[in-house]
Structure formats: C-alpha cells, structure tokens
Amino acid sequence: MKILVYLDRSNFLWPPRNIPMPMPPTHFCKMCGNPIPASIVVNGKTVYRSSRVNCFDCVPYGQGLQGPHETRLRPDRVCRECGANYTYTRNATHDLCLRCKRKRFVAKRKRLIIERLGGKCCVCGYDRCTGALECHHRDPDQKEYIIGAGYGTKLMELWKEVDKCVLLCSNCHREFHAGLINLPA
C-alpha cells in the first residue's frame, strides 16, 4: 500500500536564508605556497577567487601571468609550408602558421567559387591559371560586398553574392571595363 504525503511548501524559503554558506577549502599558491584568500575587495567590489591558482601577491588582480611566467605558452613551432617560427598557444596540435592557414582557406574558397561559376572565362574560355580568373558583378548596383574581401562570410551568404557574378579572366575583365568587349548574354 502506497501512502502519498503532500507538503505545504508555502513556509519554506529556498534558497535558505540566514544560513552561512560553507567556506571552500583553502587553496595554496603554486608559485609561493601561501594560502589564497577566498575573496578580496577591489575598487569596492568583492572578487571571489573561484579557480585561481596563484595568490594575489604573486599575480595581482587583472594582470595575469607576465614576465618570466610566460613559459605556459607552447614552445615555438616551425610552419610546414613556409618554415616560419610561430607560437601556438591553444591545446590542439597544428603544423601551419596563421598566414599559411589563411592562404589555404582563401585558395579553397576561390576554387569553390570558380567551380560554381563554370570553371572558365565566360568570354574567351581561359581556364589554365586560377589566379588569373576574377569575379565580375553583372549589375554593380546589386553588389553587397566585394567577394575577395568576404573572408569571414558564411558560405550560403557568399553563394548569394557569387550568383550575381560572371567569371572573367584578367585580360577580358580589363577589356570589359575599358569598353572594348561586351559580356555574353
């Protein structure tokens, strides 16, 4: 047989008031070994130590690790493509510097754009060098941004802009702006 008990919660206070919160266990500074206080007052505000590992004497509030303690950064690495030394501070392992990563990203985006626009110049059919192929907006008044400057845009937003363009080689693009040729319909 089950007995149901209903509690009247109207006289309960939650969270409990006037009950002192337990103090967290004392932590010790990794640099000097002194105990880290649970909180300090900075500019009239109480700052709690939360997950602090160094005391406020070794690393003052708001300054972070400086000077000789920068050894937490990973040692210099050598970029696989350009051979430049760089420091990567995150936990993941990478073998390219940021400059080479960006170059790869931009080249990949350009390949995708060229494939979407047909892969060759719409006037003369040139397709040997992707560096010589350029996007030209059919109607400059509908241009929202320059495609080459859209490095951080999402792919769907980029496709909306690319669909307003035609693919021209460098020579045909210059000749079009000089008024020597017209775009095919």
Protein backbone atom coordinates (compact mmCIF):
# COMPACT_ATOMS: atom_id res chain seq x y z
CA MET A 1 0.00 0.00 0.00
CA LYS A 2 1.36 3.39 -1.01
CA ILE A 3 0.98 6.44 1.17
CA LEU A 4 1.13 9.82 -0.53
CA VAL A 5 2.39 12.73 1.51
CA TYR A 6 1.79 16.28 0.37
CA LEU A 7 3.98 19.00 1.80
CA ASP A 8 2.87 22.55 2.25
CA ARG A 9 5.75 24.49 0.70
CA SER A 10 4.42 27.94 1.46
CA ASN A 11 6.51 28.26 4.63
CA PHE A 12 9.74 27.00 3.08
CA LEU A 13 12.35 29.51 1.92
CA TRP A 14 14.51 28.43 -0.95
CA PRO A 15 17.33 29.08 -1.24
CA PRO A 16 17.70 29.05 2.55
CA ARG A 17 18.34 32.47 4.02
CA ASN A 18 20.42 33.41 7.06
CA ILE A 19 22.35 30.17 6.86
CA PRO A 20 26.07 30.77 6.42
CA MET A 21 27.43 29.24 3.24
CA PRO A 22 30.29 26.80 3.82
CA MET A 23 33.70 28.23 3.01
CA PRO A 24 35.56 26.47 0.24
CA PRO A 25 38.68 24.60 1.19
CA THR A 26 41.85 26.64 1.30
CA HIS A 27 43.96 26.58 -1.85
CA PHE A 28 47.65 27.31 -1.94
CA CYS A 29 49.56 29.39 -4.47
CA LYS A 30 51.53 27.31 -6.97
CA MET A 31 54.32 29.93 -7.04
CA CYS A 32 54.94 30.80 -3.40
CA GLY A 33 52.89 28.23 -1.43
CA ASN A 34 50.93 30.82 0.59
CA PRO A 35 47.19 30.27 1.11
CA ILE A 36 44.92 32.01 -1.42
CA PRO A 37 42.14 34.05 0.25
CA ALA A 38 38.58 33.13 -0.70
CA SER A 39 37.89 36.72 -1.80
CA ILE A 40 39.34 40.22 -1.86
CA VAL A 41 37.85 43.68 -2.29
CA VAL A 42 38.94 45.50 -5.47
CA ASN A 43 37.57 49.00 -6.16
CA GLY A 44 34.76 48.46 -3.67
CA LYS A 45 33.66 45.15 -5.19
CA THR A 46 34.19 41.69 -3.74
CA VAL A 47 36.14 39.45 -6.09
CA TYR A 48 35.98 35.71 -5.41
CA ARG A 49 38.98 33.56 -6.20
CA SER A 50 36.95 30.81 -7.96
CA SER A 51 39.58 28.76 -9.80
CA ARG A 52 42.60 30.93 -9.11
CA VAL A 53 45.90 29.01 -8.78
CA ASN A 54 48.21 31.89 -7.80
CA CYS A 55 47.80 34.26 -4.87
CA PHE A 56 47.10 37.96 -5.36
CA ASP A 57 50.66 38.84 -4.27
CA CYS A 58 52.32 36.74 -6.99
CA VAL A 59 49.83 37.69 -9.74
CA PRO A 60 47.89 40.90 -8.93
CA TYR A 61 44.20 41.01 -9.82
CA GLY A 62 43.60 41.78 -13.52
CA GLN A 63 47.21 41.38 -14.68
CA GLY A 64 47.51 37.69 -15.45
CA LEU A 65 50.83 35.93 -15.85
CA GLN A 66 53.57 38.22 -17.12
CA GLY A 67 57.32 38.26 -17.44
CA PRO A 68 59.17 35.01 -16.74
CA HIS A 69 55.95 33.05 -16.23
CA GLU A 70 55.15 33.04 -19.96
CA THR A 71 56.56 29.53 -20.07
CA ARG A 72 52.95 28.29 -20.07
CA LEU A 73 52.89 29.07 -23.80
CA ARG A 74 53.85 26.24 -26.07
CA PRO A 75 57.34 26.43 -27.50
CA ASP A 76 57.88 27.83 -30.95
CA ARG A 77 56.88 25.63 -33.83
CA VAL A 78 58.00 25.66 -37.43
CA CYS A 79 55.41 26.06 -40.17
CA ARG A 80 55.36 23.08 -42.53
CA GLU A 81 54.82 25.25 -45.64
CA CYS A 82 56.81 28.46 -45.19
CA GLY A 83 59.30 27.42 -42.48
CA ALA A 84 58.44 30.41 -40.26
CA ASN A 85 58.62 30.06 -36.46
CA TYR A 86 55.35 30.67 -34.65
CA THR A 87 53.89 30.12 -31.20
CA TYR A 88 50.60 28.31 -30.92
CA THR A 89 49.00 28.83 -27.52
CA ARG A 90 45.99 26.52 -27.70
CA ASN A 91 45.87 22.85 -26.80
CA ALA A 92 45.38 21.46 -30.29
CA THR A 93 48.30 20.46 -32.46
CA HIS A 94 48.79 22.30 -35.72
CA ASP A 95 51.63 22.50 -38.15
CA LEU A 96 50.77 25.67 -40.13
CA CYS A 97 51.21 29.31 -39.16
CA LEU A 98 48.17 31.58 -39.38
CA ARG A 99 49.36 33.18 -42.64
CA CYS A 100 49.60 29.79 -44.39
CA LYS A 101 46.26 28.67 -42.93
CA ARG A 102 44.61 31.79 -44.34
CA LYS A 103 46.26 31.28 -47.74
CA ARG A 104 44.90 27.74 -47.87
CA PHE A 105 41.43 28.87 -46.83
CA VAL A 106 41.32 31.65 -49.45
CA ALA A 107 42.60 29.30 -52.20
CA LYS A 108 39.96 26.71 -51.29
CA ARG A 109 37.20 29.34 -51.32
CA LYS A 110 38.39 30.61 -54.72
CA ARG A 111 38.37 27.06 -56.15
CA LEU A 112 34.78 26.60 -54.94
CA ILE A 113 33.72 29.94 -56.46
CA ILE A 114 35.37 29.14 -59.79
CA GLU A 115 33.68 25.72 -59.90
CA ARG A 116 30.31 27.32 -59.14
CA LEU A 117 30.74 29.88 -61.95
CA GLY A 118 31.65 27.32 -64.61
CA GLY A 119 35.41 26.98 -64.26
CA LYS A 120 36.46 29.21 -67.19
CA CYS A 121 36.22 32.75 -68.54
CA CYS A 122 32.74 33.32 -69.98
CA VAL A 123 34.18 35.39 -72.88
CA CYS A 124 37.30 33.57 -74.12
CA GLY A 125 37.19 30.24 -72.23
CA TYR A 126 40.55 30.70 -70.42
CA ASP A 127 40.99 28.15 -67.58
CA ARG A 128 44.73 27.49 -67.13
CA CYS A 129 45.51 29.59 -64.03
CA THR A 130 43.01 30.15 -61.22
CA GLY A 131 44.94 33.25 -60.16
CA ALA A 132 44.00 34.92 -63.46
CA LEU A 133 40.25 34.31 -63.07
CA GLU A 134 38.15 37.03 -61.44
CA CYS A 135 34.52 37.59 -60.47
CA HIS A 136 32.68 40.46 -62.13
CA HIS A 137 29.29 41.65 -60.87
CA ARG A 138 26.78 41.84 -63.72
CA ASP A 139 24.96 44.72 -62.02
CA PRO A 140 27.26 46.81 -59.79
CA ASP A 141 24.24 48.35 -58.04
CA GLN A 142 23.32 44.95 -56.55
CA LYS A 143 26.80 44.41 -55.11
CA GLU A 144 26.62 43.96 -51.32
CA TYR A 145 30.33 43.40 -50.78
CA ILE A 146 33.49 42.57 -52.69
CA ILE A 147 33.82 38.80 -52.93
CA GLY A 148 37.58 38.80 -52.32
CA ALA A 149 37.03 40.69 -49.06
CA GLY A 150 34.40 38.18 -47.88
CA TYR A 151 36.93 36.07 -45.96
CA GLY A 152 34.80 35.63 -42.86
CA THR A 153 31.38 35.32 -44.51
CA LYS A 154 29.32 32.17 -44.33
CA LEU A 155 29.23 30.01 -47.43
CA MET A 156 25.50 30.50 -48.06
CA GLU A 157 25.90 34.30 -47.95
CA LEU A 158 28.86 34.01 -50.30
CA TRP A 159 26.85 31.94 -52.79
CA LYS A 160 24.14 34.63 -52.89
CA GLU A 161 26.79 37.16 -53.90
CA VAL A 162 28.58 34.80 -56.32
CA ASP A 163 25.32 34.11 -58.16
CA LYS A 164 25.24 37.81 -59.14
CA CYS A 165 28.61 37.45 -60.91
CA VAL A 166 30.25 36.09 -64.05
CA LEU A 167 33.76 34.64 -64.29
CA LEU A 168 36.25 36.60 -66.41
CA CYS A 169 39.98 36.20 -66.98
CA SER A 170 42.15 39.21 -66.11
CA ASN A 171 42.51 40.35 -69.73
CA CYS A 172 38.80 40.14 -70.54
CA HIS A 173 37.94 41.86 -67.25
CA ARG A 174 40.20 44.83 -68.10
CA GLU A 175 38.91 44.96 -71.67
CA PHE A 176 35.30 44.94 -70.43
CA HIS A 177 35.93 47.90 -68.11
CA ALA A 178 37.75 49.71 -70.92
CA GLY A 179 34.63 49.27 -73.09
CA LEU A 180 36.33 47.06 -75.72
CA ILE A 181 34.14 43.95 -75.25
CA ASN A 182 30.63 43.13 -74.06
CA LEU A 183 29.57 40.27 -71.83
CA PRO A 184 27.69 37.42 -73.50
CA ALA A 185 24.00 37.21 -72.62
